[in-house]
Amino acid sequence: MALSIIGCANRGSITGGKKDTLAPILITSLPKNLTTNFNGKEIKLTFDEYVKLKEVNKQLIISPPMKLQPEILPATASKTITIKIKDTLQPNTTYSFNFGKSIQDNNEGNPYQQFKYVFSTGSYIDSLTLGVKTRDAIGKKVDNFVSILLYEVNEKYSDSAIYKQTPRYVTNTLDSLKLGKFENLKKGKYRLIALKDANGNNKFDPKTDKIAFQKDFIKIPNDTIYELDLFKEETPFKSVNFIQASASKYTMGYEGKAKDVKIVVKRGEETIPHIVSELPRKDSLQVWFNAIKGDSVSIAVSKNKFKKTYLLKVKDQKKDSINFSAEPIGTLNFRDTFAINSNTPINKWDVTKMKLINKDSAEVKFTTEYDEFHQKLKFLFQKEPLEKYNLKLLPGALFNYYDKKNDTLSYNFATNDLSDYGNLKVTLENVKRFPVIVQLLDEKEEVVASEYSDERKEVIFDLLEPNKYNLRLIYDDNKDKSWTPGNFLELRQSEEVIYFPKELDVRANWDVEQSFDLKITI
């Protein structure tokens, strides 16, 4: 009896049974899936359980695209989803509604993967297919939700269509697919495009969108799986404003790249001397010149085809304060250069009022180099391992644009031991052409080190901080020592980029030798 009472007192946990891992099942559709001669305005999809729609605006792909988006109901859980068509359907056309992963069961969120409803306004369903892979032209990471577009090439087609018109067919890589696949295509000739479409309007906006394209028209049927490389076109240079920011500083916002921009400042017919520098972390330039309150000045900006002149009335404003900062702070790696940054241009400097000493108070010889565009004074000297340095600048060592001098400045920094770094030698194999740019990238895909080679097949990166690096090579076909993206209207692809298949592990006090076979790509 006692044992019976004890047995009854033991409490067990109540469970709800096995977790539901099954996706919803479509029971009926009205009209039926794959219906021909469709002329309705409403479609009903009924499932075996309550379902909900998640991110349907992002997941649903309608091909061909509709000018007026259909209404998908209801917004709450239901066993029936209703599609209300608001657009005028094209004749003799096969339409597909790919819901991606947006239809999920209401309790556990199990998705009905890639459910597609198809109908035709003609007498048959188009059934041809096409596969397309996308990747980034310069980066290693692949974008998700890339739209892949087919424009029908007929007597009305022109290359400007991608800017103004929606495509004949569209699909999307969504968030988990490496391969975009077209289905229900009709036979014909097409222009194949891919877009990382920021606006989601299936039209190319060069300011915001990445684009990839197949250079030649394609024909369907076709069993080729095309690979398209996405890139952001270089935006043509354009200045967007010009304002007076302080007594002698004027800022100019711009689009594109500011390299080689020409600026001329005039007061009447007199040309005024000026300095141009960057505004850090912004797409803006700083233009420094002296003028008197009430002066009217003209500032002419030009680059390539762009030309614009600004007329400004000089205002009485405060002068910029003088401010200096050093980089790097603390540890000076052997691949780094110590520099002093100024918030205003440095007009002149006096090295006799500067002294660099080591930990033994011995004076270290140095030279200086001024980077006007970045307002940075660099100090070049022979670095020694495990050394501590102090750089002292007496008043009057630096004079800024307003002829104001510095107060006493003192900066301390130190070096590590050579054994704290690793060395990497890369041997290039099967190089198709020169010159090439060889780069090391960190985990954020930022360039840590870069070497340019006109003919060398051995590239050396010494004194690297211990880390795991990605290695890539750029074929610098236009010889401008940087990667150049493509251009759609010119039907010009980006300069070719090849990544080494694996990360390179560079450790402290290691010498790594790595062959890079450029026939093996990822």
Protein backbone atom coordinates (compact mmCIF):
# COMPACT_ATOMS: atom_id res chain seq x y z
CA MET A 1 0.00 0.00 0.00
CA ALA A 2 2.87 2.36 0.95
CA LEU A 3 4.67 1.54 -2.29
CA SER A 4 1.46 2.28 -4.19
CA ILE A 5 1.15 5.71 -2.52
CA ILE A 6 4.80 6.57 -3.31
CA GLY A 7 4.28 5.49 -6.91
CA CYS A 8 1.26 7.78 -7.21
CA ALA A 9 3.23 10.70 -5.74
CA ASN A 10 5.93 10.66 -8.46
CA ARG A 11 5.08 13.40 -10.97
CA GLY A 12 5.74 12.97 -14.69
CA SER A 13 6.19 15.81 -17.20
CA ILE A 14 3.40 16.31 -19.71
CA THR A 15 4.62 16.43 -23.31
CA GLY A 16 2.82 17.50 -26.43
CA GLY A 17 4.11 14.63 -28.47
CA LYS A 18 6.58 14.82 -31.32
CA LYS A 19 7.34 18.21 -32.81
CA ASP A 20 5.60 18.89 -36.11
CA THR A 21 8.27 18.98 -38.83
CA LEU A 22 5.99 18.45 -41.83
CA ALA A 23 5.27 21.20 -44.32
CA PRO A 24 1.68 22.07 -45.25
CA ILE A 25 0.10 20.10 -48.10
CA LEU A 26 -1.88 21.72 -50.89
CA ILE A 27 -5.27 19.98 -51.12
CA THR A 28 -6.92 21.91 -53.92
CA SER A 29 -6.36 24.90 -56.15
CA LEU A 30 -9.05 26.75 -58.05
CA PRO A 31 -8.45 26.98 -60.97
CA LYS A 32 -6.21 23.90 -60.99
CA ASN A 33 -2.47 24.34 -61.16
CA LEU A 34 -1.20 24.29 -64.80
CA THR A 35 -4.53 25.57 -66.11
CA THR A 36 -4.59 26.76 -69.74
CA ASN A 37 -6.79 29.42 -71.36
CA PHE A 38 -6.90 31.22 -68.00
CA ASN A 39 -9.00 34.40 -68.01
CA GLY A 40 -9.92 34.80 -64.34
CA LYS A 41 -9.09 37.38 -61.70
CA GLU A 42 -8.87 35.20 -58.61
CA ILE A 43 -7.00 32.06 -57.54
CA LYS A 44 -7.68 30.07 -54.36
CA LEU A 45 -5.15 27.69 -52.76
CA THR A 46 -6.45 25.42 -49.97
CA PHE A 47 -4.13 23.53 -47.58
CA ASP A 48 -4.54 20.67 -45.10
CA GLU A 49 -3.79 22.92 -42.11
CA TYR A 50 -3.71 26.57 -41.11
CA VAL A 51 -0.92 28.44 -42.90
CA LYS A 52 0.57 31.92 -42.64
CA LEU A 53 2.46 34.09 -45.09
CA LYS A 54 5.94 35.26 -44.10
CA GLU A 55 7.86 37.90 -46.11
CA VAL A 56 5.65 37.19 -49.10
CA ASN A 57 6.56 40.54 -50.67
CA LYS A 58 10.20 39.48 -50.63
CA GLN A 59 9.84 35.78 -51.38
CA LEU A 60 7.12 35.77 -54.06
CA ILE A 61 8.44 35.85 -57.63
CA ILE A 62 5.93 36.47 -60.40
CA SER A 63 7.11 35.83 -63.93
CA PRO A 64 6.49 37.62 -66.23
CA PRO A 65 6.36 40.59 -63.79
CA MET A 66 3.06 42.40 -63.40
CA LYS A 67 2.76 46.19 -63.42
CA LEU A 68 0.05 46.01 -60.78
CA GLN A 69 0.98 43.62 -58.01
CA PRO A 70 -1.71 41.08 -57.07
CA GLU A 71 -3.29 41.14 -53.64
CA ILE A 72 -2.43 38.09 -51.51
CA LEU A 73 -4.94 37.33 -48.73
CA PRO A 74 -5.45 36.88 -45.85
CA ALA A 75 -2.89 38.54 -43.60
CA THR A 76 -3.82 36.17 -40.75
CA ALA A 77 -3.61 32.38 -40.47
CA SER A 78 -6.04 30.52 -42.71
CA LYS A 79 -6.38 27.27 -44.61
CA THR A 80 -7.02 29.15 -47.86
CA ILE A 81 -4.80 31.70 -49.61
CA THR A 82 -6.47 33.94 -52.20
CA ILE A 83 -4.62 35.65 -55.06
CA LYS A 84 -6.51 38.60 -56.55
CA ILE A 85 -5.09 39.63 -59.93
CA LYS A 86 -5.30 43.36 -60.62
CA ASP A 87 -3.22 43.58 -63.81
CA THR A 88 -4.28 42.92 -67.41
CA LEU A 89 -2.77 39.58 -68.42
CA GLN A 90 -0.84 39.21 -71.67
CA PRO A 91 -2.31 36.85 -74.29
CA ASN A 92 -0.74 33.44 -74.97
CA THR A 93 1.59 33.79 -71.99
CA THR A 94 2.60 31.34 -69.27
CA TYR A 95 2.61 32.90 -65.78
CA SER A 96 4.25 31.44 -62.69
CA PHE A 97 3.87 32.41 -59.03
CA ASN A 98 6.84 31.05 -57.05
CA PHE A 99 6.17 31.56 -53.34
CA GLY A 100 9.69 30.62 -52.23
CA LYS A 101 9.51 29.87 -48.48
CA SER A 102 6.72 32.33 -47.71
CA ILE A 103 3.94 29.74 -47.11
CA GLN A 104 4.44 28.19 -43.66
CA ASP A 105 2.34 26.20 -41.24
CA ASN A 106 0.93 28.36 -38.48
CA ASN A 107 2.28 26.43 -35.48
CA GLU A 108 5.90 25.50 -36.21
CA GLY A 109 6.65 27.65 -39.26
CA ASN A 110 7.53 24.71 -41.51
CA PRO A 111 7.76 26.17 -45.03
CA TYR A 112 6.18 24.75 -48.17
CA GLN A 113 9.47 24.99 -50.08
CA GLN A 114 9.42 26.69 -53.49
CA PHE A 115 5.71 26.15 -54.10
CA LYS A 116 4.82 27.34 -57.58
CA TYR A 117 1.44 27.98 -59.16
CA VAL A 118 1.44 28.12 -62.97
CA PHE A 119 -1.21 28.98 -65.54
CA SER A 120 -1.32 30.04 -69.18
CA THR A 121 -3.57 32.52 -70.95
CA GLY A 122 -2.97 30.46 -74.10
CA SER A 123 -3.66 26.89 -75.09
CA TYR A 124 -0.44 25.37 -73.68
CA ILE A 125 2.09 25.74 -70.85
CA ASP A 126 5.60 26.84 -71.85
CA SER A 127 8.05 24.32 -70.42
CA LEU A 128 11.62 25.30 -71.32
CA THR A 129 14.17 25.92 -68.51
CA LEU A 130 17.43 27.79 -67.93
CA GLY A 131 19.95 27.72 -65.05
CA VAL A 132 22.03 30.73 -63.95
CA LYS A 133 24.70 31.09 -61.23
CA THR A 134 25.71 34.45 -59.83
CA ARG A 135 28.80 35.57 -57.96
CA ASP A 136 30.50 38.84 -57.11
CA ALA A 137 33.00 40.20 -59.63
CA ILE A 138 35.46 41.41 -56.95
CA GLY A 139 34.30 40.05 -53.57
CA LYS A 140 34.40 36.48 -52.34
CA LYS A 141 30.98 36.57 -50.68
CA VAL A 142 27.97 35.93 -52.89
CA ASP A 143 24.91 38.19 -52.64
CA ASN A 144 21.54 36.62 -51.90
CA PHE A 145 18.20 37.75 -53.34
CA VAL A 146 19.70 38.44 -56.76
CA SER A 147 17.12 39.00 -59.50
CA ILE A 148 17.82 37.26 -62.81
CA LEU A 149 16.09 38.77 -65.82
CA LEU A 150 15.42 37.75 -69.41
CA TYR A 151 14.54 40.41 -71.98
CA GLU A 152 13.01 39.14 -75.20
CA VAL A 153 15.10 40.26 -78.19
CA ASN A 154 12.73 41.30 -80.96
CA GLU A 155 12.25 44.29 -83.24
CA LYS A 156 11.36 46.48 -80.26
CA TYR A 157 14.38 45.54 -78.12
CA SER A 158 17.23 47.95 -77.34
CA ASP A 159 19.89 47.86 -74.62
CA SER A 160 18.18 50.80 -72.91
CA ALA A 161 15.27 48.48 -72.07
CA ILE A 162 16.91 47.37 -68.82
CA TYR A 163 16.65 50.95 -67.49
CA LYS A 164 13.01 51.55 -68.47
CA GLN A 165 11.09 48.30 -68.97
CA THR A 166 10.33 45.20 -66.97
CA PRO A 167 11.74 41.95 -68.37
CA ARG A 168 9.83 39.18 -70.09
CA TYR A 169 10.86 36.69 -67.39
CA VAL A 170 12.29 37.03 -63.89
CA THR A 171 13.52 34.68 -61.21
CA ASN A 172 15.52 35.15 -58.02
CA THR A 173 18.24 33.32 -56.11
CA LEU A 174 16.33 34.09 -52.86
CA ASP A 175 18.14 33.68 -49.54
CA SER A 176 19.44 30.13 -49.76
CA LEU A 177 19.80 29.23 -53.43
CA LYS A 178 23.14 29.29 -55.22
CA LEU A 179 21.48 28.69 -58.55
CA GLY A 180 18.67 30.70 -60.07
CA LYS A 181 16.44 28.64 -62.32
CA PHE A 182 13.97 29.75 -64.95
CA GLU A 183 11.08 27.45 -65.76
CA ASN A 184 8.11 27.74 -68.11
CA LEU A 185 10.07 29.67 -70.74
CA LYS A 186 9.17 29.87 -74.41
CA LYS A 187 11.56 29.40 -77.29
CA GLY A 188 13.32 32.57 -78.41
CA LYS A 189 16.32 34.92 -78.25
CA TYR A 190 17.00 36.84 -75.03
CA ARG A 191 19.31 39.25 -73.20
CA LEU A 192 20.36 37.69 -69.88
CA ILE A 193 20.85 40.09 -66.95
CA ALA A 194 21.28 39.76 -63.18
CA LEU A 195 20.60 42.57 -60.70
CA LYS A 196 21.13 43.08 -57.00
CA ASP A 197 18.01 45.19 -57.24
CA ALA A 198 17.93 47.71 -54.38
CA ASN A 199 14.56 49.16 -55.41
CA GLY A 200 12.94 45.83 -56.26
CA ASN A 201 11.50 47.23 -59.49
CA ASN A 202 13.23 44.88 -61.97
CA LYS A 203 14.92 47.87 -63.64
CA PHE A 204 18.59 48.82 -63.58
CA ASP A 205 19.50 51.89 -61.54
CA PRO A 206 23.30 52.34 -61.86
CA LYS A 207 23.44 54.50 -58.72
CA THR A 208 22.17 51.76 -56.42
CA ASP A 209 22.21 48.39 -58.22
CA LYS A 210 24.86 45.83 -58.99
CA ILE A 211 24.56 44.33 -62.47
CA ALA A 212 25.84 41.27 -64.33
CA PHE A 213 25.22 40.32 -67.94
CA GLN A 214 25.93 37.76 -70.60
CA LYS A 215 27.71 39.66 -73.37
CA ASP A 216 26.04 37.83 -76.26
CA PHE A 217 22.34 37.19 -76.71
CA ILE A 218 21.28 33.69 -75.69
CA LYS A 219 18.88 31.33 -77.38
CA ILE A 220 16.37 29.07 -75.66
CA PRO A 221 16.21 26.05 -75.56
CA ASN A 222 19.68 25.95 -74.08
CA ASP A 223 21.24 23.50 -71.59
CA THR A 224 24.12 25.83 -70.61
CA ILE A 225 24.33 26.95 -66.97
CA TYR A 226 25.49 30.56 -67.26
CA GLU A 227 27.72 32.22 -64.66
CA LEU A 228 27.25 35.95 -64.18
CA ASP A 229 29.58 38.26 -62.20
CA LEU A 230 27.88 41.12 -60.36
CA PHE A 231 29.56 44.51 -60.18
CA LYS A 232 28.70 48.09 -59.33
CA GLU A 233 29.31 50.36 -62.30
CA GLU A 234 31.49 53.41 -61.79
CA THR A 235 29.15 56.32 -61.34
CA PRO A 236 30.16 59.23 -63.59
CA PHE A 237 31.62 62.10 -61.61
CA LYS A 238 29.21 64.83 -60.63
CA SER A 239 29.47 67.58 -58.01
CA VAL A 240 26.22 67.96 -56.08
CA ASN A 241 26.69 71.08 -53.94
CA PHE A 242 29.18 73.70 -52.83
CA ILE A 243 28.92 75.47 -49.47
CA GLN A 244 31.13 77.66 -47.29
CA ALA A 245 31.89 75.68 -44.13
CA SER A 246 34.29 78.08 -42.33
CA ALA A 247 36.34 81.21 -42.99
CA SER A 248 38.45 79.66 -45.74
CA LYS A 249 36.99 76.16 -46.14
CA TYR A 250 34.37 75.20 -48.73
CA THR A 251 32.96 71.70 -49.06
CA MET A 252 31.80 70.03 -52.24
CA GLY A 253 29.75 66.84 -52.27
CA TYR A 254 30.11 64.57 -55.25
CA GLU A 255 29.08 61.32 -56.90
CA GLY A 256 31.52 58.92 -58.56
CA LYS A 257 35.27 59.27 -57.99
CA ALA A 258 37.02 62.56 -57.27
CA LYS A 259 40.40 61.47 -58.63
CA ASP A 260 41.72 63.91 -61.27
CA VAL A 261 38.88 66.40 -60.75
CA LYS A 262 39.92 69.92 -61.79
CA ILE A 263 38.87 72.91 -59.66
CA VAL A 264 39.54 76.55 -60.59
CA VAL A 265 38.68 79.39 -58.18
CA LYS A 266 38.39 82.94 -59.55
CA ARG A 267 37.57 86.40 -58.23
CA GLY A 268 36.59 88.20 -61.40
CA GLU A 269 39.42 87.40 -63.82
CA GLU A 270 41.92 86.73 -61.02
CA THR A 271 42.69 83.08 -60.29
CA ILE A 272 42.85 82.43 -56.53
CA PRO A 273 45.36 79.84 -55.21
CA HIS A 274 43.63 76.98 -53.41
CA ILE A 275 44.17 73.55 -51.84
CA VAL A 276 41.93 70.52 -52.37
CA SER A 277 41.73 67.76 -49.74
CA GLU A 278 39.33 65.00 -48.83
CA LEU A 279 36.68 65.21 -46.14
CA PRO A 280 37.29 61.94 -44.23
CA ARG A 281 34.57 59.26 -44.34
CA LYS A 282 32.35 61.29 -46.66
CA ASP A 283 31.98 61.65 -50.43
CA SER A 284 33.05 65.28 -50.18
CA LEU A 285 36.06 67.44 -50.93
CA GLN A 286 37.39 70.40 -48.99
CA VAL A 287 38.51 73.41 -51.03
CA TRP A 288 40.65 75.87 -49.10
CA PHE A 289 41.24 79.46 -50.27
CA ASN A 290 41.43 82.93 -48.79
CA ALA A 291 38.88 85.56 -49.73
CA ILE A 292 37.42 88.70 -48.17
CA LYS A 293 33.91 88.97 -46.77
CA GLY A 294 31.56 90.13 -49.52
CA ASP A 295 33.74 88.85 -52.36
CA SER A 296 31.96 87.05 -55.18
CA VAL A 297 33.93 84.03 -56.35
CA SER A 298 33.37 81.53 -59.12
CA ILE A 299 34.39 77.89 -58.64
CA ALA A 300 34.62 75.85 -61.82
CA VAL A 301 34.51 72.05 -61.40
CA SER A 302 35.31 69.72 -64.29
CA LYS A 303 36.14 66.10 -64.94
CA ASN A 304 35.71 64.22 -68.21
CA LYS A 305 32.35 65.34 -69.62
CA PHE A 306 31.17 67.01 -66.42
CA LYS A 307 31.50 70.80 -66.14
CA LYS A 308 29.80 73.10 -63.65
CA THR A 309 30.51 76.57 -62.26
CA TYR A 310 29.34 77.74 -58.82
CA LEU A 311 28.95 81.42 -57.89
CA LEU A 312 29.40 82.06 -54.16
CA LYS A 313 29.26 85.10 -51.95
CA VAL A 314 31.97 84.90 -49.27
CA LYS A 315 30.57 85.13 -45.74
CA ASP A 316 32.24 86.16 -42.50
CA GLN A 317 32.75 82.90 -40.62
CA LYS A 318 35.02 81.55 -37.90
CA LYS A 319 38.36 80.03 -38.73
CA ASP A 320 38.89 76.33 -38.09
CA SER A 321 40.66 75.49 -34.86
CA ILE A 322 44.04 73.76 -35.13
CA ASN A 323 44.06 70.08 -34.25
CA PHE A 324 46.53 67.22 -34.77
CA SER A 325 46.33 63.48 -34.22
CA ALA A 326 48.71 60.58 -34.75
CA GLU A 327 48.37 57.21 -36.44
CA PRO A 328 48.87 54.49 -35.55
CA ILE A 329 48.56 54.78 -31.78
CA GLY A 330 50.63 52.54 -29.52
CA THR A 331 52.13 49.80 -31.69
CA LEU A 332 53.83 50.63 -34.98
CA ASN A 333 53.86 47.55 -37.20
CA PHE A 334 56.72 47.21 -39.67
CA ARG A 335 54.41 47.60 -42.68
CA ASP A 336 52.92 50.81 -41.24
CA THR A 337 54.07 54.42 -41.53
CA PHE A 338 53.81 56.78 -38.60
CA ALA A 339 51.98 60.00 -39.53
CA ILE A 340 50.47 63.14 -38.03
CA ASN A 341 47.01 64.07 -39.30
CA SER A 342 45.82 67.66 -39.35
CA ASN A 343 42.26 68.94 -39.52
CA THR A 344 43.51 71.84 -41.69
CA PRO A 345 46.16 71.80 -44.44
CA ILE A 346 49.74 72.03 -43.23
CA ASN A 347 51.40 74.96 -45.00
CA LYS A 348 54.96 74.45 -43.80
CA TRP A 349 56.96 72.48 -41.27
CA ASP A 350 60.38 72.81 -39.65
CA VAL A 351 62.23 69.54 -39.04
CA THR A 352 64.77 71.33 -36.82
CA LYS A 353 61.98 71.60 -34.25
CA MET A 354 61.21 67.90 -34.45
CA LYS A 355 63.11 65.16 -32.67
CA LEU A 356 62.66 61.37 -32.82
CA ILE A 357 64.47 59.41 -30.12
CA ASN A 358 64.55 55.73 -29.15
CA LYS A 359 64.39 54.13 -25.70
CA ASP A 360 68.08 54.88 -25.15
CA SER A 361 67.41 58.56 -25.88
CA ALA A 362 69.49 58.25 -29.03
CA GLU A 363 68.33 60.43 -31.89
CA VAL A 364 66.85 58.59 -34.88
CA LYS A 365 67.23 60.07 -38.34
CA PHE A 366 64.03 60.53 -40.33
CA THR A 367 62.61 62.22 -43.40
CA THR A 368 59.15 63.66 -43.92
CA GLU A 369 56.66 63.37 -46.72
CA TYR A 370 53.47 65.41 -46.92
CA ASP A 371 50.23 64.02 -48.38
CA GLU A 372 48.24 67.16 -49.19
CA PHE A 373 45.06 65.39 -50.25
CA HIS A 374 44.78 63.57 -46.91
CA GLN A 375 46.39 66.38 -44.84
CA LYS A 376 48.88 63.88 -43.44
CA LEU A 377 52.60 64.39 -42.61
CA LYS A 378 54.44 61.07 -42.79
CA PHE A 379 57.65 60.23 -40.91
CA LEU A 380 59.97 57.79 -42.67
CA PHE A 381 62.76 56.07 -40.71
CA GLN A 382 64.44 52.74 -40.20
CA LYS A 383 62.35 50.78 -37.69
CA GLU A 384 64.13 48.49 -35.25
CA PRO A 385 62.54 45.51 -33.47
CA LEU A 386 61.52 45.78 -29.80
CA GLU A 387 62.16 49.50 -29.83
CA LYS A 388 60.34 52.35 -28.15
CA TYR A 389 60.14 55.75 -29.80
CA ASN A 390 59.19 59.26 -28.81
CA LEU A 391 58.48 61.94 -31.39
CA LYS A 392 58.49 65.47 -30.01
CA LEU A 393 57.46 68.58 -31.95
CA LEU A 394 58.26 71.96 -30.42
CA PRO A 395 56.02 74.98 -30.97
CA GLY A 396 56.47 76.23 -34.52
CA ALA A 397 57.29 72.80 -35.96
CA LEU A 398 53.99 72.89 -37.90
CA PHE A 399 52.07 75.78 -39.39
CA ASN A 400 48.55 75.31 -40.71
CA TYR A 401 46.60 77.04 -43.47
CA TYR A 402 45.80 80.01 -41.22
CA ASP A 403 49.51 80.30 -40.30
CA LYS A 404 48.75 79.08 -36.78
CA LYS A 405 51.50 77.02 -35.18
CA ASN A 406 51.30 73.94 -33.02
CA ASP A 407 51.77 73.74 -29.30
CA THR A 408 54.26 71.17 -28.04
CA LEU A 409 53.30 67.73 -29.33
CA SER A 410 54.64 64.43 -28.03
CA TYR A 411 53.84 60.94 -29.34
CA ASN A 412 55.01 57.58 -28.00
CA PHE A 413 54.92 54.34 -29.97
CA ALA A 414 56.76 51.03 -30.06
CA THR A 415 57.61 48.13 -32.35
CA ASN A 416 57.27 44.40 -31.77
CA ASP A 417 59.89 41.73 -32.36
CA LEU A 418 60.41 40.42 -35.88
CA SER A 419 59.44 36.98 -34.58
CA ASP A 420 55.94 38.34 -33.88
CA TYR A 421 55.28 38.47 -37.62
CA GLY A 422 55.09 35.98 -40.46
CA ASN A 423 56.32 36.11 -44.05
CA LEU A 424 54.54 34.90 -47.18
CA LYS A 425 55.98 34.15 -50.61
CA VAL A 426 53.45 33.52 -53.38
CA THR A 427 54.53 31.82 -56.59
CA LEU A 428 52.16 32.47 -59.50
CA GLU A 429 51.52 29.63 -61.95
CA ASN A 430 49.76 29.76 -65.33
CA VAL A 431 49.48 33.55 -65.44
CA LYS A 432 47.59 34.41 -68.62
CA ARG A 433 48.92 37.95 -68.95
CA PHE A 434 50.58 40.80 -67.10
CA PRO A 435 50.35 43.16 -65.26
CA VAL A 436 48.60 41.70 -62.24
CA ILE A 437 47.66 42.92 -58.77
CA VAL A 438 48.11 40.40 -55.95
CA GLN A 439 46.26 41.18 -52.72
CA LEU A 440 45.83 39.80 -49.22
CA LEU A 441 42.45 40.34 -47.57
CA ASP A 442 41.28 39.96 -43.98
CA GLU A 443 38.03 38.35 -42.85
CA LYS A 444 36.12 41.56 -43.67
CA GLU A 445 37.49 41.43 -47.24
CA GLU A 446 39.52 44.58 -46.64
CA VAL A 447 42.89 44.78 -48.40
CA VAL A 448 45.72 44.32 -45.91
CA ALA A 449 48.61 44.19 -48.40
CA SER A 450 48.90 44.61 -52.15
CA GLU A 451 51.70 44.03 -54.66
CA TYR A 452 51.87 44.95 -58.34
CA SER A 453 53.71 42.81 -60.84
CA ASP A 454 54.57 43.59 -64.45
CA GLU A 455 56.32 40.27 -64.99
CA ARG A 456 57.39 38.78 -61.65
CA LYS A 457 55.93 35.40 -60.81
CA GLU A 458 57.14 35.53 -57.20
CA VAL A 459 55.38 38.00 -54.92
CA ILE A 460 56.61 38.52 -51.35
CA PHE A 461 54.62 39.82 -48.39
CA ASP A 462 57.00 40.33 -45.45
CA LEU A 463 56.23 41.11 -41.80
CA LEU A 464 52.54 40.26 -41.81
CA GLU A 465 50.55 40.27 -38.63
CA PRO A 466 49.53 36.69 -37.70
CA ASN A 467 46.13 36.03 -39.20
CA LYS A 468 44.18 34.06 -41.76
CA TYR A 469 44.13 35.77 -45.14
CA ASN A 470 42.33 35.42 -48.43
CA LEU A 471 44.51 35.74 -51.51
CA ARG A 472 43.32 37.11 -54.84
CA LEU A 473 44.77 38.17 -58.17
CA ILE A 474 43.42 40.88 -60.48
CA TYR A 475 44.32 41.02 -64.16
CA ASP A 476 44.94 44.75 -64.54
CA ASP A 477 44.14 45.00 -68.25
CA ASN A 478 43.95 48.80 -68.39
CA LYS A 479 47.15 49.14 -66.31
CA ASP A 480 45.73 51.68 -63.87
CA LYS A 481 46.89 49.66 -60.82
CA SER A 482 43.36 49.15 -59.50
CA TRP A 483 40.39 46.89 -60.21
CA THR A 484 38.07 48.32 -62.86
CA PRO A 485 34.40 47.28 -62.92
CA GLY A 486 32.49 46.65 -66.14
CA ASN A 487 29.94 48.73 -67.99
CA PHE A 488 26.71 47.41 -69.47
CA LEU A 489 26.19 49.86 -72.33
CA GLU A 490 29.78 49.29 -73.45
CA LEU A 491 29.21 45.52 -73.03
CA ARG A 492 32.49 45.51 -71.12
CA GLN A 493 32.99 43.00 -68.33
CA SER A 494 34.90 43.77 -65.13
CA GLU A 495 38.60 43.03 -64.91
CA GLU A 496 39.04 39.36 -64.09
CA VAL A 497 39.54 38.40 -60.44
CA ILE A 498 40.73 34.99 -59.25
CA TYR A 499 40.73 33.84 -55.62
CA PHE A 500 43.01 31.24 -54.11
CA PRO A 501 40.70 28.37 -53.08
CA LYS A 502 41.67 28.30 -49.38
CA GLU A 503 42.50 30.68 -46.58
CA LEU A 504 46.20 31.17 -45.90
CA ASP A 505 47.23 30.79 -42.27
CA VAL A 506 50.17 33.09 -41.56
CA ARG A 507 51.55 32.57 -38.06
CA ALA A 508 54.13 34.38 -35.99
CA ASN A 509 57.74 33.51 -36.87
CA TRP A 510 56.63 31.42 -39.87
CA ASP A 511 57.83 31.60 -43.45
CA VAL A 512 55.02 30.41 -45.71
CA GLU A 513 55.58 29.54 -49.36
CA GLN A 514 52.44 29.08 -51.44
CA SER A 515 51.97 28.36 -55.14
CA PHE A 516 48.92 29.97 -56.73
CA ASP A 517 47.72 28.07 -59.79
CA LEU A 518 45.50 30.47 -61.69
CA LYS A 519 43.82 27.67 -63.61
CA ILE A 520 42.19 26.55 -60.36
CA THR A 521 39.46 29.05 -59.55
CA ILE A 522 36.51 29.31 -57.18
